[in-house]
């Protein structure tokens, strides 16, 4: 099983990243282990997990 990281992002920011208007989202932490997959959870009103 591949390891991954789960990140919750504001819906509007996730939409801008998906549409190409934004290309990053800063976080205040650094993962302790390397990961191969990033799972993005878009918050309200979408409440959807995107791979």
PDB file of N, CA and C in Angstrom:
ATOM      1  N   UNK A   1       0.842  -1.182   0.000  1.00  0.00           N
ATOM      2  CA  UNK A   1       0.000   0.000   0.000  1.00  0.00           C
ATOM      3  C   UNK A   1       0.891   1.251   0.000  1.00  0.00           C
ATOM      4  N   UNK A   2       0.583   2.180  -0.876  1.00  0.00           N
ATOM      5  CA  UNK A   2       1.348   3.419  -0.954  1.00  0.00           C
ATOM      6  C   UNK A   2       0.955   4.347   0.189  1.00  0.00           C
ATOM      7  N   UNK A   3       1.938   5.092   0.681  1.00  0.00           N
ATOM      8  CA  UNK A   3       1.611   6.040   1.724  1.00  0.00           C
ATOM      9  C   UNK A   3       1.204   7.368   1.097  1.00  0.00           C
ATOM     10  N   UNK A   4       0.373   8.109   1.805  1.00  0.00           N
ATOM     11  CA  UNK A   4      -0.110   9.378   1.296  1.00  0.00           C
ATOM     12  C   UNK A   4      -0.330  10.352   2.431  1.00  0.00           C
ATOM     13  N   UNK A   5      -0.677  11.565   2.063  1.00  0.00           N
ATOM     14  CA  UNK A   5      -0.956  12.610   3.039  1.00  0.00           C
ATOM     15  C   UNK A   5      -2.295  13.234   2.688  1.00  0.00           C
ATOM     16  N   UNK A   6      -3.034  13.572   3.708  1.00  0.00           N
ATOM     17  CA  UNK A   6      -4.371  14.138   3.584  1.00  0.00           C
ATOM     18  C   UNK A   6      -4.302  15.603   3.995  1.00  0.00           C
ATOM     19  N   UNK A   7      -4.764  16.511   3.118  1.00  0.00           N
ATOM     20  CA  UNK A   7      -4.711  17.943   3.400  1.00  0.00           C
ATOM     21  C   UNK A   7      -6.087  18.550   3.163  1.00  0.00           C
ATOM     22  N   UNK A   8      -6.555  19.308   4.129  1.00  0.00           N
ATOM     23  CA  UNK A   8      -7.823  20.011   4.005  1.00  0.00           C
ATOM     24  C   UNK A   8      -7.548  21.423   3.507  1.00  0.00           C
ATOM     25  N   UNK A   9      -8.221  21.814   2.422  1.00  0.00           N
ATOM     26  CA  UNK A   9      -8.013  23.135   1.829  1.00  0.00           C
ATOM     27  C   UNK A   9      -9.367  23.806   1.638  1.00  0.00           C
ATOM     28  N   UNK A  10      -9.388  25.097   1.858  1.00  0.00           N
ATOM     29  CA  UNK A  10     -10.587  25.896   1.639  1.00  0.00           C
ATOM     30  C   UNK A  10     -11.114  25.664   0.228  1.00  0.00           C
ATOM     31  N   UNK A  11     -12.423  25.556   0.094  1.00  0.00           N
ATOM     32  CA  UNK A  11     -13.052  25.250  -1.196  1.00  0.00           C
ATOM     33  C   UNK A  11     -12.635  26.224  -2.293  1.00  0.00           C
ATOM     34  N   UNK A  12     -12.635  27.517  -1.986  1.00  0.00           N
ATOM     35  CA  UNK A  12     -12.293  28.515  -3.008  1.00  0.00           C
ATOM     36  C   UNK A  12     -10.832  28.372  -3.455  1.00  0.00           C
ATOM     37  N   UNK A  13      -9.937  28.098  -2.512  1.00  0.00           N
ATOM     38  CA  UNK A  13      -8.523  27.905  -2.857  1.00  0.00           C
ATOM     39  C   UNK A  13      -8.346  26.637  -3.689  1.00  0.00           C
ATOM     40  N   UNK A  14      -9.045  25.562  -3.327  1.00  0.00           N
ATOM     41  CA  UNK A  14      -8.960  24.309  -4.082  1.00  0.00           C
ATOM     42  C   UNK A  14      -9.453  24.510  -5.516  1.00  0.00           C
ATOM     43  N   UNK A  15     -10.505  25.267  -5.664  1.00  0.00           N
ATOM     44  CA  UNK A  15     -11.061  25.545  -6.987  1.00  0.00           C
ATOM     45  C   UNK A  15     -10.064  26.337  -7.839  1.00  0.00           C
ATOM     46  N   UNK A  16      -9.407  27.331  -7.229  1.00  0.00           N
ATOM     47  CA  UNK A  16      -8.408  28.125  -7.958  1.00  0.00           C
ATOM     48  C   UNK A  16      -7.212  27.271  -8.383  1.00  0.00           C
ATOM     49  N   UNK A  17      -6.800  26.346  -7.521  1.00  0.00           N
ATOM     50  CA  UNK A  17      -5.698  25.443  -7.868  1.00  0.00           C
ATOM     51  C   UNK A  17      -6.108  24.540  -9.018  1.00  0.00           C
ATOM     52  N   UNK A  18      -7.311  23.993  -8.944  1.00  0.00           N
ATOM     53  CA  UNK A  18      -7.804  23.096  -9.990  1.00  0.00           C
ATOM     54  C   UNK A  18      -7.929  23.808 -11.331  1.00  0.00           C
ATOM     55  N   UNK A  19      -8.333  25.085 -11.312  1.00  0.00           N
ATOM     56  CA  UNK A  19      -8.512  25.855 -12.543  1.00  0.00           C
ATOM     57  C   UNK A  19      -7.204  26.465 -13.053  1.00  0.00           C
ATOM     58  N   UNK A  20      -6.131  26.381 -12.256  1.00  0.00           N
ATOM     59  CA  UNK A  20      -4.839  26.884 -12.697  1.00  0.00           C
ATOM     60  C   UNK A  20      -4.556  28.334 -12.342  1.00  0.00           C
ATOM     61  N   UNK A  21      -5.448  28.987 -11.594  1.00  0.00           N
ATOM     62  CA  UNK A  21      -5.223  30.371 -11.187  1.00  0.00           C
ATOM     63  C   UNK A  21      -4.265  30.457 -10.001  1.00  0.00           C
ATOM     64  N   UNK A  22      -4.108  29.346  -9.301  1.00  0.00           N
ATOM     65  CA  UNK A  22      -3.236  29.273  -8.133  1.00  0.00           C
ATOM     66  C   UNK A  22      -2.458  27.968  -8.261  1.00  0.00           C
ATOM     67  N   UNK A  23      -1.180  27.961  -7.833  1.00  0.00           N
ATOM     68  CA  UNK A  23      -0.420  26.729  -8.015  1.00  0.00           C
ATOM     69  C   UNK A  23       0.172  26.166  -6.728  1.00  0.00           C
ATOM     70  N   UNK A  24      -0.187  26.729  -5.578  1.00  0.00           N
ATOM     71  CA  UNK A  24       0.325  26.204  -4.317  1.00  0.00           C
ATOM     72  C   UNK A  24      -0.577  26.611  -3.153  1.00  0.00           C
ATOM     73  N   UNK A  25      -0.391  25.953  -2.042  1.00  0.00           N
ATOM     74  CA  UNK A  25      -1.079  26.272  -0.793  1.00  0.00           C
ATOM     75  C   UNK A  25      -0.084  26.005   0.335  1.00  0.00           C
ATOM     76  N   UNK A  26       0.263  27.019   1.080  1.00  0.00           N
ATOM     77  CA  UNK A  26       1.240  26.879   2.149  1.00  0.00           C
ATOM     78  C   UNK A  26       0.627  26.244   3.389  1.00  0.00           C
ATOM     79  N   UNK A  27       1.433  25.482   4.105  1.00  0.00           N
ATOM     80  CA  UNK A  27       1.041  24.863   5.363  1.00  0.00           C
ATOM     81  C   UNK A  27       2.103  25.183   6.408  1.00  0.00           C
ATOM     82  N   UNK A  28       1.733  25.149   7.688  1.00  0.00           N
ATOM     83  CA  UNK A  28       2.651  25.461   8.779  1.00  0.00           C
ATOM     84  C   UNK A  28       3.413  24.252   9.290  1.00  0.00           C
ATOM     85  N   UNK A  29       3.316  23.145   8.625  1.00  0.00           N
ATOM     86  CA  UNK A  29       4.000  21.932   9.095  1.00  0.00           C
ATOM     87  C   UNK A  29       4.692  21.231   7.938  1.00  0.00           C
ATOM     88  N   UNK A  30       5.653  20.400   8.285  1.00  0.00           N
ATOM     89  CA  UNK A  30       6.371  19.583   7.307  1.00  0.00           C
ATOM     90  C   UNK A  30       6.090  18.125   7.646  1.00  0.00           C
ATOM     91  N   UNK A  31       5.657  17.322   6.675  1.00  0.00           N
ATOM     92  CA  UNK A  31       5.402  15.902   6.957  1.00  0.00           C
ATOM     93  C   UNK A  31       6.658  15.204   7.477  1.00  0.00           C
ATOM     94  N   UNK A  32       6.485  14.303   8.433  1.00  0.00           N
ATOM     95  CA  UNK A  32       7.613  13.586   9.034  1.00  0.00           C
ATOM     96  C   UNK A  32       8.148  12.484   8.126  1.00  0.00           C
ATOM     97  N   UNK A  33       7.328  11.996   7.218  1.00  0.00           N
ATOM     98  CA  UNK A  33       7.750  10.936   6.307  1.00  0.00           C
ATOM     99  C   UNK A  33       7.489  11.361   4.870  1.00  0.00           C
ATOM    100  N   UNK A  34       8.231  10.760   3.943  1.00  0.00           N
ATOM    101  CA  UNK A  34       7.969  10.991   2.524  1.00  0.00           C
ATOM    102  C   UNK A  34       6.628  10.377   2.167  1.00  0.00           C
ATOM    103  N   UNK A  35       5.994  10.908   1.136  1.00  0.00           N
ATOM    104  CA  UNK A  35       4.711  10.369   0.694  1.00  0.00           C
ATOM    105  C   UNK A  35       4.655  10.346  -0.818  1.00  0.00           C
ATOM    106  N   UNK A  36       3.811   9.471  -1.348  1.00  0.00           N
ATOM    107  CA  UNK A  36       3.688   9.321  -2.797  1.00  0.00           C
ATOM    108  C   UNK A  36       2.388   9.910  -3.340  1.00  0.00           C
ATOM    109  N   UNK A  37       1.378  10.020  -2.494  1.00  0.00           N
ATOM    110  CA  UNK A  37       0.084  10.551  -2.938  1.00  0.00           C
ATOM    111  C   UNK A  37      -0.362  11.684  -2.030  1.00  0.00           C
ATOM    112  N   UNK A  38      -1.045  12.630  -2.628  1.00  0.00           N
ATOM    113  CA  UNK A  38      -1.613  13.743  -1.894  1.00  0.00           C
ATOM    114  C   UNK A  38      -3.121  13.699  -2.069  1.00  0.00           C
ATOM    115  N   UNK A  39      -3.832  13.635  -0.973  1.00  0.00           N
ATOM    116  CA  UNK A  39      -5.288  13.640  -0.993  1.00  0.00           C
ATOM    117  C   UNK A  39      -5.741  15.007  -0.507  1.00  0.00           C
ATOM    118  N   UNK A  40      -6.572  15.668  -1.296  1.00  0.00           N
ATOM    119  CA  UNK A  40      -7.030  17.014  -0.967  1.00  0.00           C
ATOM    120  C   UNK A  40      -8.516  16.968  -0.643  1.00  0.00           C
ATOM    121  N   UNK A  41      -8.849  17.504   0.533  1.00  0.00           N
ATOM    122  CA  UNK A  41     -10.250  17.596   0.941  1.00  0.00           C
ATOM    123  C   UNK A  41     -10.664  19.053   0.820  1.00  0.00           C
ATOM    124  N   UNK A  42     -11.625  19.329  -0.056  1.00  0.00           N
ATOM    125  CA  UNK A  42     -12.152  20.675  -0.223  1.00  0.00           C
ATOM    126  C   UNK A  42     -13.251  20.885   0.818  1.00  0.00           C
ATOM    127  N   UNK A  43     -13.131  21.936   1.615  1.00  0.00           N
ATOM    128  CA  UNK A  43     -14.086  22.217   2.688  1.00  0.00           C
ATOM    129  C   UNK A  43     -15.410  22.738   2.136  1.00  0.00           C
ATOM    130  N   UNK A  44     -16.269  23.151   3.028  1.00  0.00           N
ATOM    131  CA  UNK A  44     -17.618  23.634   2.665  1.00  0.00           C
ATOM    132  C   UNK A  44     -17.552  24.611   1.519  1.00  0.00           C
ATOM    133  N   UNK A  45     -18.481  24.674   0.621  1.00  0.00           N
ATOM    134  CA  UNK A  45     -19.701  23.876   0.529  1.00  0.00           C
ATOM    135  C   UNK A  45     -19.512  22.549  -0.210  1.00  0.00           C
ATOM    136  N   UNK A  46     -18.339  22.310  -0.779  1.00  0.00           N
ATOM    137  CA  UNK A  46     -18.118  21.106  -1.587  1.00  0.00           C
ATOM    138  C   UNK A  46     -18.020  19.838  -0.728  1.00  0.00           C
ATOM    139  N   UNK A  47     -17.208  19.883   0.330  1.00  0.00           N
ATOM    140  CA  UNK A  47     -17.008  18.728   1.229  1.00  0.00           C
ATOM    141  C   UNK A  47     -16.707  17.470   0.430  1.00  0.00           C
ATOM    142  N   UNK A  48     -15.644  17.528  -0.356  1.00  0.00           N
ATOM    143  CA  UNK A  48     -15.314  16.457  -1.288  1.00  0.00           C
ATOM    144  C   UNK A  48     -13.827  16.136  -1.225  1.00  0.00           C
ATOM    145  N   UNK A  49     -13.496  14.854  -1.300  1.00  0.00           N
ATOM    146  CA  UNK A  49     -12.113  14.405  -1.312  1.00  0.00           C
ATOM    147  C   UNK A  49     -11.684  14.228  -2.760  1.00  0.00           C
ATOM    148  N   UNK A  50     -10.595  14.923  -3.137  1.00  0.00           N
ATOM    149  CA  UNK A  50     -10.065  14.840  -4.510  1.00  0.00           C
ATOM    150  C   UNK A  50      -8.694  14.187  -4.461  1.00  0.00           C
ATOM    151  N   UNK A  51      -8.388  13.343  -5.426  1.00  0.00           N
ATOM    152  CA  UNK A  51      -7.080  12.698  -5.496  1.00  0.00           C
ATOM    153  C   UNK A  51      -6.244  13.365  -6.558  1.00  0.00           C
TER     154      UNK A  51
END
